[in-house]
Amino acid sequence: MSATTLRKLIVPAVVLGVVLVIVAIVYFVEPAHSLPSFFPGHVSASSSEASHHHTKHGIAAIVVALACFAFAWFQSGPKTSGA
């Protein structure tokens, strides 16, 4: 991929990072039965894991968000000139 193509991915990477931080917060705060139904780990209220918090899902979302932010950071740096 060329440098200009990668520079176009800065804004989507930051937006995806912010969304993933929000998803991580939801995983940390809400028990499994209160998660939105489209989230992995959602269970019914009558399940034995209904009060379980999906901490590992939240950690994974934070790690991927940090990777998105790091990508955006490195792509927003100054352009290097050819030798």
PDB file of N, CA and C in Angstrom:
ATOM      1  N   MET A   1       0.847  -1.177   0.000  1.00  0.00           N
ATOM      2  CA  MET A   1       0.000   0.000   0.000  1.00  0.00           C
ATOM      3  C   MET A   1       0.890   1.237   0.000  1.00  0.00           C
ATOM      4  N   SER A   2       0.442   2.244  -0.701  1.00  0.00           N
ATOM      5  CA  SER A   2       1.225   3.475  -0.743  1.00  0.00           C
ATOM      6  C   SER A   2       0.992   4.306   0.514  1.00  0.00           C
ATOM      7  N   ALA A   3       1.858   5.298   0.710  1.00  0.00           N
ATOM      8  CA  ALA A   3       1.768   6.142   1.905  1.00  0.00           C
ATOM      9  C   ALA A   3       0.481   6.955   1.912  1.00  0.00           C
ATOM     10  N   THR A   4       0.015   7.412   0.745  1.00  0.00           N
ATOM     11  CA  THR A   4      -1.215   8.205   0.714  1.00  0.00           C
ATOM     12  C   THR A   4      -2.430   7.346   1.030  1.00  0.00           C
ATOM     13  N   THR A   5      -2.392   6.082   0.622  1.00  0.00           N
ATOM     14  CA  THR A   5      -3.495   5.174   0.944  1.00  0.00           C
ATOM     15  C   THR A   5      -3.571   4.937   2.448  1.00  0.00           C
ATOM     16  N   LEU A   6      -2.406   4.760   3.083  1.00  0.00           N
ATOM     17  CA  LEU A   6      -2.388   4.541   4.524  1.00  0.00           C
ATOM     18  C   LEU A   6      -2.792   5.795   5.285  1.00  0.00           C
ATOM     19  N   ARG A   7      -2.474   6.982   4.767  1.00  0.00           N
ATOM     20  CA  ARG A   7      -2.861   8.227   5.426  1.00  0.00           C
ATOM     21  C   ARG A   7      -4.384   8.398   5.419  1.00  0.00           C
ATOM     22  N   LYS A   8      -5.045   7.850   4.422  1.00  0.00           N
ATOM     23  CA  LYS A   8      -6.508   7.938   4.361  1.00  0.00           C
ATOM     24  C   LYS A   8      -7.176   7.080   5.430  1.00  0.00           C
ATOM     25  N   LEU A   9      -6.427   6.183   6.036  1.00  0.00           N
ATOM     26  CA  LEU A   9      -6.977   5.287   7.053  1.00  0.00           C
ATOM     27  C   LEU A   9      -6.854   5.847   8.463  1.00  0.00           C
ATOM     28  N   ILE A  10      -6.301   7.043   8.626  1.00  0.00           N
ATOM     29  CA  ILE A  10      -6.104   7.605   9.959  1.00  0.00           C
ATOM     30  C   ILE A  10      -7.443   7.858  10.646  1.00  0.00           C
ATOM     31  N   VAL A  11      -8.349   8.558   9.984  1.00  0.00           N
ATOM     32  CA  VAL A  11      -9.639   8.898  10.598  1.00  0.00           C
ATOM     33  C   VAL A  11     -10.459   7.639  10.911  1.00  0.00           C
ATOM     34  N   PRO A  12     -10.587   6.687   9.970  1.00  0.00           N
ATOM     35  CA  PRO A  12     -11.323   5.464  10.338  1.00  0.00           C
ATOM     36  C   PRO A  12     -10.675   4.694  11.493  1.00  0.00           C
ATOM     37  N   ALA A  13      -9.359   4.703  11.581  1.00  0.00           N
ATOM     38  CA  ALA A  13      -8.687   4.006  12.682  1.00  0.00           C
ATOM     39  C   ALA A  13      -9.005   4.666  14.017  1.00  0.00           C
ATOM     40  N   VAL A  14      -9.024   5.990  14.045  1.00  0.00           N
ATOM     41  CA  VAL A  14      -9.347   6.702  15.288  1.00  0.00           C
ATOM     42  C   VAL A  14     -10.806   6.465  15.667  1.00  0.00           C
ATOM     43  N   VAL A  15     -11.701   6.516  14.693  1.00  0.00           N
ATOM     44  CA  VAL A  15     -13.122   6.281  14.964  1.00  0.00           C
ATOM     45  C   VAL A  15     -13.334   4.861  15.486  1.00  0.00           C
ATOM     46  N   LEU A  16     -12.694   3.885  14.855  1.00  0.00           N
ATOM     47  CA  LEU A  16     -12.806   2.502  15.318  1.00  0.00           C
ATOM     48  C   LEU A  16     -12.235   2.349  16.729  1.00  0.00           C
ATOM     49  N   GLY A  17     -11.141   3.038  17.012  1.00  0.00           N
ATOM     50  CA  GLY A  17     -10.568   2.994  18.350  1.00  0.00           C
ATOM     51  C   GLY A  17     -11.513   3.537  19.401  1.00  0.00           C
ATOM     52  N   VAL A  18     -12.173   4.654  19.096  1.00  0.00           N
ATOM     53  CA  VAL A  18     -13.130   5.243  20.043  1.00  0.00           C
ATOM     54  C   VAL A  18     -14.308   4.304  20.260  1.00  0.00           C
ATOM     55  N   VAL A  19     -14.818   3.716  19.185  1.00  0.00           N
ATOM     56  CA  VAL A  19     -15.937   2.774  19.303  1.00  0.00           C
ATOM     57  C   VAL A  19     -15.534   1.573  20.161  1.00  0.00           C
ATOM     58  N   LEU A  20     -14.328   1.080  19.963  1.00  0.00           N
ATOM     59  CA  LEU A  20     -13.876  -0.070  20.754  1.00  0.00           C
ATOM     60  C   LEU A  20     -13.674   0.279  22.218  1.00  0.00           C
ATOM     61  N   VAL A  21     -13.276   1.496  22.523  1.00  0.00           N
ATOM     62  CA  VAL A  21     -13.176   1.916  23.924  1.00  0.00           C
ATOM     63  C   VAL A  21     -14.568   1.926  24.555  1.00  0.00           C
ATOM     64  N   ILE A  22     -15.557   2.400  23.816  1.00  0.00           N
ATOM     65  CA  ILE A  22     -16.939   2.405  24.316  1.00  0.00           C
ATOM     66  C   ILE A  22     -17.431   0.973  24.536  1.00  0.00           C
ATOM     67  N   VAL A  23     -17.128   0.086  23.594  1.00  0.00           N
ATOM     68  CA  VAL A  23     -17.508  -1.324  23.732  1.00  0.00           C
ATOM     69  C   VAL A  23     -16.844  -1.933  24.970  1.00  0.00           C
ATOM     70  N   ALA A  24     -15.577  -1.615  25.198  1.00  0.00           N
ATOM     71  CA  ALA A  24     -14.881  -2.134  26.375  1.00  0.00           C
ATOM     72  C   ALA A  24     -15.533  -1.649  27.665  1.00  0.00           C
ATOM     73  N   ILE A  25     -15.930  -0.388  27.696  1.00  0.00           N
ATOM     74  CA  ILE A  25     -16.603   0.148  28.881  1.00  0.00           C
ATOM     75  C   ILE A  25     -17.909  -0.598  29.139  1.00  0.00           C
ATOM     76  N   VAL A  26     -18.656  -0.881  28.064  1.00  0.00           N
ATOM     77  CA  VAL A  26     -19.914  -1.630  28.211  1.00  0.00           C
ATOM     78  C   VAL A  26     -19.630  -3.015  28.788  1.00  0.00           C
ATOM     79  N   TYR A  27     -18.591  -3.683  28.291  1.00  0.00           N
ATOM     80  CA  TYR A  27     -18.250  -5.005  28.816  1.00  0.00           C
ATOM     81  C   TYR A  27     -17.856  -4.942  30.284  1.00  0.00           C
ATOM     82  N   PHE A  28     -17.146  -3.907  30.707  1.00  0.00           N
ATOM     83  CA  PHE A  28     -16.722  -3.801  32.099  1.00  0.00           C
ATOM     84  C   PHE A  28     -17.880  -3.454  33.034  1.00  0.00           C
ATOM     85  N   VAL A  29     -18.843  -2.684  32.556  1.00  0.00           N
ATOM     86  CA  VAL A  29     -19.897  -2.150  33.419  1.00  0.00           C
ATOM     87  C   VAL A  29     -21.129  -3.052  33.481  1.00  0.00           C
ATOM     88  N   GLU A  30     -21.538  -3.610  32.366  1.00  0.00           N
ATOM     89  CA  GLU A  30     -22.791  -4.356  32.292  1.00  0.00           C
ATOM     90  C   GLU A  30     -22.578  -5.849  32.538  1.00  0.00           C
ATOM     91  N   PRO A  31     -23.462  -6.487  33.288  1.00  0.00           N
ATOM     92  CA  PRO A  31     -23.385  -7.950  33.412  1.00  0.00           C
ATOM     93  C   PRO A  31     -23.847  -8.603  32.099  1.00  0.00           C
ATOM     94  N   ALA A  32     -23.603  -9.888  31.971  1.00  0.00           N
ATOM     95  CA  ALA A  32     -23.847 -10.590  30.706  1.00  0.00           C
ATOM     96  C   ALA A  32     -25.299 -10.498  30.246  1.00  0.00           C
ATOM     97  N   HIS A  33     -26.253 -10.521  31.156  1.00  0.00           N
ATOM     98  CA  HIS A  33     -27.653 -10.480  30.726  1.00  0.00           C
ATOM     99  C   HIS A  33     -28.091  -9.074  30.298  1.00  0.00           C
ATOM    100  N   SER A  34     -27.323  -8.044  30.649  1.00  0.00           N
ATOM    101  CA  SER A  34     -27.675  -6.683  30.269  1.00  0.00           C
ATOM    102  C   SER A  34     -26.950  -6.209  29.012  1.00  0.00           C
ATOM    103  N   LEU A  35     -26.070  -7.035  28.469  1.00  0.00           N
ATOM    104  CA  LEU A  35     -25.381  -6.658  27.244  1.00  0.00           C
ATOM    105  C   LEU A  35     -26.380  -6.592  26.092  1.00  0.00           C
ATOM    106  N   PRO A  36     -26.124  -5.730  25.111  1.00  0.00           N
ATOM    107  CA  PRO A  36     -26.975  -5.756  23.913  1.00  0.00           C
ATOM    108  C   PRO A  36     -26.919  -7.146  23.270  1.00  0.00           C
ATOM    109  N   SER A  37     -28.002  -7.551  22.646  1.00  0.00           N
ATOM    110  CA  SER A  37     -28.090  -8.923  22.138  1.00  0.00           C
ATOM    111  C   SER A  37     -27.090  -9.218  21.027  1.00  0.00           C
ATOM    112  N   PHE A  38     -26.555  -8.210  20.359  1.00  0.00           N
ATOM    113  CA  PHE A  38     -25.598  -8.449  19.284  1.00  0.00           C
ATOM    114  C   PHE A  38     -24.158  -8.522  19.796  1.00  0.00           C
ATOM    115  N   PHE A  39     -23.928  -8.307  21.091  1.00  0.00           N
ATOM    116  CA  PHE A  39     -22.596  -8.423  21.678  1.00  0.00           C
ATOM    117  C   PHE A  39     -22.297  -9.892  21.958  1.00  0.00           C
ATOM    118  N   PRO A  40     -21.093 -10.367  21.622  1.00  0.00           N
ATOM    119  CA  PRO A  40     -20.717 -11.720  22.034  1.00  0.00           C
ATOM    120  C   PRO A  40     -20.698 -11.824  23.554  1.00  0.00           C
ATOM    121  N   GLY A  41     -21.253 -12.870  24.099  1.00  0.00           N
ATOM    122  CA  GLY A  41     -21.291 -13.069  25.535  1.00  0.00           C
ATOM    123  C   GLY A  41     -22.633 -12.749  26.161  1.00  0.00           C
ATOM    124  N   HIS A  42     -23.586 -12.261  25.350  1.00  0.00           N
ATOM    125  CA  HIS A  42     -24.919 -11.980  25.880  1.00  0.00           C
ATOM    126  C   HIS A  42     -25.600 -13.297  26.243  1.00  0.00           C
ATOM    127  N   VAL A  43     -26.216 -13.328  27.424  1.00  0.00           N
ATOM    128  CA  VAL A  43     -26.965 -14.509  27.862  1.00  0.00           C
ATOM    129  C   VAL A  43     -28.321 -14.044  28.378  1.00  0.00           C
ATOM    130  N   SER A  44     -29.242 -14.982  28.529  1.00  0.00           N
ATOM    131  CA  SER A  44     -30.555 -14.635  29.056  1.00  0.00           C
ATOM    132  C   SER A  44     -30.466 -14.397  30.562  1.00  0.00           C
ATOM    133  N   ALA A  45     -31.440 -13.718  31.094  1.00  0.00           N
ATOM    134  CA  ALA A  45     -31.448 -13.384  32.522  1.00  0.00           C
ATOM    135  C   ALA A  45     -31.575 -14.628  33.394  1.00  0.00           C
ATOM    136  N   SER A  46     -32.129 -15.701  32.854  1.00  0.00           N
ATOM    137  CA  SER A  46     -32.303 -16.919  33.652  1.00  0.00           C
ATOM    138  C   SER A  46     -31.070 -17.823  33.609  1.00  0.00           C
ATOM    139  N   SER A  47     -30.059 -17.459  32.861  1.00  0.00           N
ATOM    140  CA  SER A  47     -28.855 -18.269  32.751  1.00  0.00           C
ATOM    141  C   SER A  47     -28.040 -18.208  34.040  1.00  0.00           C
ATOM    142  N   SER A  48     -27.221 -19.225  34.258  1.00  0.00           N
ATOM    143  CA  SER A  48     -26.387 -19.247  35.464  1.00  0.00           C
ATOM    144  C   SER A  48     -25.266 -18.206  35.389  1.00  0.00           C
ATOM    145  N   GLU A  49     -24.929 -17.732  34.185  1.00  0.00           N
ATOM    146  CA  GLU A  49     -23.886 -16.726  34.003  1.00  0.00           C
ATOM    147  C   GLU A  49     -24.463 -15.326  33.829  1.00  0.00           C
ATOM    148  N   ALA A  50     -25.684 -15.109  34.261  1.00  0.00           N
ATOM    149  CA  ALA A  50     -26.357 -13.832  34.018  1.00  0.00           C
ATOM    150  C   ALA A  50     -25.665 -12.660  34.708  1.00  0.00           C
ATOM    151  N   SER A  51     -25.074 -12.876  35.853  1.00  0.00           N
ATOM    152  CA  SER A  51     -24.434 -11.772  36.566  1.00  0.00           C
ATOM    153  C   SER A  51     -22.935 -11.692  36.302  1.00  0.00           C
ATOM    154  N   HIS A  52     -22.443 -12.489  35.366  1.00  0.00           N
ATOM    155  CA  HIS A  52     -21.026 -12.531  35.032  1.00  0.00           C
ATOM    156  C   HIS A  52     -20.640 -11.331  34.165  1.00  0.00           C
ATOM    157  N   HIS A  53     -19.502 -10.713  34.461  1.00  0.00           N
ATOM    158  CA  HIS A  53     -18.971  -9.628  33.633  1.00  0.00           C
ATOM    159  C   HIS A  53     -17.907 -10.211  32.713  1.00  0.00           C
ATOM    160  N   HIS A  54     -17.908  -9.798  31.452  1.00  0.00           N
ATOM    161  CA  HIS A  54     -16.957 -10.320  30.477  1.00  0.00           C
ATOM    162  C   HIS A  54     -15.717  -9.434  30.436  1.00  0.00           C
ATOM    163  N   THR A  55     -14.877  -9.585  31.431  1.00  0.00           N
ATOM    164  CA  THR A  55     -13.682  -8.761  31.565  1.00  0.00           C
ATOM    165  C   THR A  55     -12.698  -9.023  30.425  1.00  0.00           C
ATOM    166  N   LYS A  56     -12.547 -10.261  30.020  1.00  0.00           N
ATOM    167  CA  LYS A  56     -11.601 -10.582  28.942  1.00  0.00           C
ATOM    168  C   LYS A  56     -12.036  -9.957  27.624  1.00  0.00           C
ATOM    169  N   HIS A  57     -13.335  -9.915  27.369  1.00  0.00           N
ATOM    170  CA  HIS A  57     -13.820  -9.244  26.168  1.00  0.00           C
ATOM    171  C   HIS A  57     -13.470  -7.754  26.219  1.00  0.00           C
ATOM    172  N   GLY A  58     -13.630  -7.147  27.383  1.00  0.00           N
ATOM    173  CA  GLY A  58     -13.296  -5.739  27.546  1.00  0.00           C
ATOM    174  C   GLY A  58     -11.819  -5.474  27.356  1.00  0.00           C
ATOM    175  N   ILE A  59     -10.983  -6.342  27.904  1.00  0.00           N
ATOM    176  CA  ILE A  59      -9.534  -6.189  27.736  1.00  0.00           C
ATOM    177  C   ILE A  59      -9.148  -6.333  26.269  1.00  0.00           C
ATOM    178  N   ALA A  60      -9.736  -7.293  25.585  1.00  0.00           N
ATOM    179  CA  ALA A  60      -9.445  -7.482  24.166  1.00  0.00           C
ATOM    180  C   ALA A  60      -9.851  -6.241  23.355  1.00  0.00           C
ATOM    181  N   ALA A  61     -10.994  -5.653  23.681  1.00  0.00           N
ATOM    182  CA  ALA A  61     -11.437  -4.449  22.972  1.00  0.00           C
ATOM    183  C   ALA A  61     -10.487  -3.291  23.222  1.00  0.00           C
ATOM    184  N   ILE A  62      -9.981  -3.155  24.447  1.00  0.00           N
ATOM    185  CA  ILE A  62      -9.021  -2.095  24.763  1.00  0.00           C
ATOM    186  C   ILE A  62      -7.717  -2.305  23.998  1.00  0.00           C
ATOM    187  N   VAL A  63      -7.250  -3.549  23.909  1.00  0.00           N
ATOM    188  CA  VAL A  63      -5.989  -3.837  23.203  1.00  0.00           C
ATOM    189  C   VAL A  63      -6.121  -3.491  21.721  1.00  0.00           C
ATOM    190  N   VAL A  64      -7.219  -3.866  21.102  1.00  0.00           N
ATOM    191  CA  VAL A  64      -7.415  -3.560  19.683  1.00  0.00           C
ATOM    192  C   VAL A  64      -7.584  -2.051  19.487  1.00  0.00           C
ATOM    193  N   ALA A  65      -8.252  -1.366  20.419  1.00  0.00           N
ATOM    194  CA  ALA A  65      -8.386   0.090  20.331  1.00  0.00           C
ATOM    195  C   ALA A  65      -7.017   0.755  20.410  1.00  0.00           C
ATOM    196  N   LEU A  66      -6.165   0.288  21.310  1.00  0.00           N
ATOM    197  CA  LEU A  66      -4.816   0.846  21.412  1.00  0.00           C
ATOM    198  C   LEU A  66      -4.019   0.600  20.139  1.00  0.00           C
ATOM    199  N   ALA A  67      -4.214  -0.552  19.510  1.00  0.00           N
ATOM    200  CA  ALA A  67      -3.540  -0.830  18.237  1.00  0.00           C
ATOM    201  C   ALA A  67      -4.023   0.129  17.150  1.00  0.00           C
ATOM    202  N   CYS A  68      -5.305   0.432  17.133  1.00  0.00           N
ATOM    203  CA  CYS A  68      -5.843   1.400  16.161  1.00  0.00           C
ATOM    204  C   CYS A  68      -5.264   2.793  16.399  1.00  0.00           C
ATOM    205  N   PHE A  69      -5.192   3.194  17.666  1.00  0.00           N
ATOM    206  CA  PHE A  69      -4.625   4.503  17.982  1.00  0.00           C
ATOM    207  C   PHE A  69      -3.138   4.563  17.623  1.00  0.00           C
ATOM    208  N   ALA A  70      -2.399   3.486  17.870  1.00  0.00           N
ATOM    209  CA  ALA A  70      -0.979   3.452  17.522  1.00  0.00           C
ATOM    210  C   ALA A  70      -0.792   3.544  16.011  1.00  0.00           C
ATOM    211  N   PHE A  71      -1.617   2.831  15.251  1.00  0.00           N
ATOM    212  CA  PHE A  71      -1.551   2.908  13.793  1.00  0.00           C
ATOM    213  C   PHE A  71      -1.792   4.338  13.323  1.00  0.00           C
ATOM    214  N   ALA A  72      -2.824   4.983  13.855  1.00  0.00           N
ATOM    215  CA  ALA A  72      -3.133   6.351  13.460  1.00  0.00           C
ATOM    216  C   ALA A  72      -1.995   7.299  13.845  1.00  0.00           C
ATOM    217  N   TRP A  73      -1.401   7.085  15.009  1.00  0.00           N
ATOM    218  CA  TRP A  73      -0.294   7.928  15.473  1.00  0.00           C
ATOM    219  C   TRP A  73       0.891   7.846  14.509  1.00  0.00           C
ATOM    220  N   PHE A  74       1.276   6.618  14.158  1.00  0.00           N
ATOM    221  CA  PHE A  74       2.444   6.458  13.293  1.00  0.00           C
ATOM    222  C   PHE A  74       2.182   6.913  11.864  1.00  0.00           C
ATOM    223  N   GLN A  75       0.950   6.811  11.400  1.00  0.00           N
ATOM    224  CA  GLN A  75       0.647   7.258  10.043  1.00  0.00           C
ATOM    225  C   GLN A  75       0.510   8.767   9.946  1.00  0.00           C
ATOM    226  N   SER A  76       0.280   9.445  11.059  1.00  0.00           N
ATOM    227  CA  SER A  76       0.108  10.889  11.026  1.00  0.00           C
ATOM    228  C   SER A  76       1.436  11.628  11.161  1.00  0.00           C
ATOM    229  N   GLY A  77       2.531  10.916  11.307  1.00  0.00           N
ATOM    230  CA  GLY A  77       3.843  11.536  11.446  1.00  0.00           C
ATOM    231  C   GLY A  77       4.285  12.182  10.135  1.00  0.00           C
ATOM    232  N   PRO A  78       5.423  12.858  10.158  1.00  0.00           N
ATOM    233  CA  PRO A  78       5.902  13.517   8.946  1.00  0.00           C
ATOM    234  C   PRO A  78       6.260  12.516   7.857  1.00  0.00           C
ATOM    235  N   LYS A  79       6.058  12.937   6.623  1.00  0.00           N
ATOM    236  CA  LYS A  79       6.403  12.080   5.500  1.00  0.00           C
ATOM    237  C   LYS A  79       7.915  12.016   5.374  1.00  0.00           C
ATOM    238  N   THR A  80       8.419  10.827   5.102  1.00  0.00           N
ATOM    239  CA  THR A  80       9.856  10.691   4.894  1.00  0.00           C
ATOM    240  C   THR A  80      10.171  10.885   3.421  1.00  0.00           C
ATOM    241  N   SER A  81      11.248  11.556   3.144  1.00  0.00           N
ATOM    242  CA  SER A  81      11.628  11.774   1.745  1.00  0.00           C
ATOM    243  C   SER A  81      12.506  10.621   1.284  1.00  0.00           C
ATOM    244  N   GLY A  82      12.418  10.311   0.022  1.00  0.00           N
ATOM    245  CA  GLY A  82      13.215   9.229  -0.548  1.00  0.00           C
ATOM    246  C   GLY A  82      14.689   9.605  -0.601  1.00  0.00           C
ATOM    247  N   ALA A  83      15.567   8.625  -0.521  1.00  0.00           N
ATOM    248  CA  ALA A  83      17.003   8.894  -0.513  1.00  0.00           C
ATOM    249  C   ALA A  83      17.521   9.164  -1.893  1.00  0.00           C
TER     250      ALA A  83
END
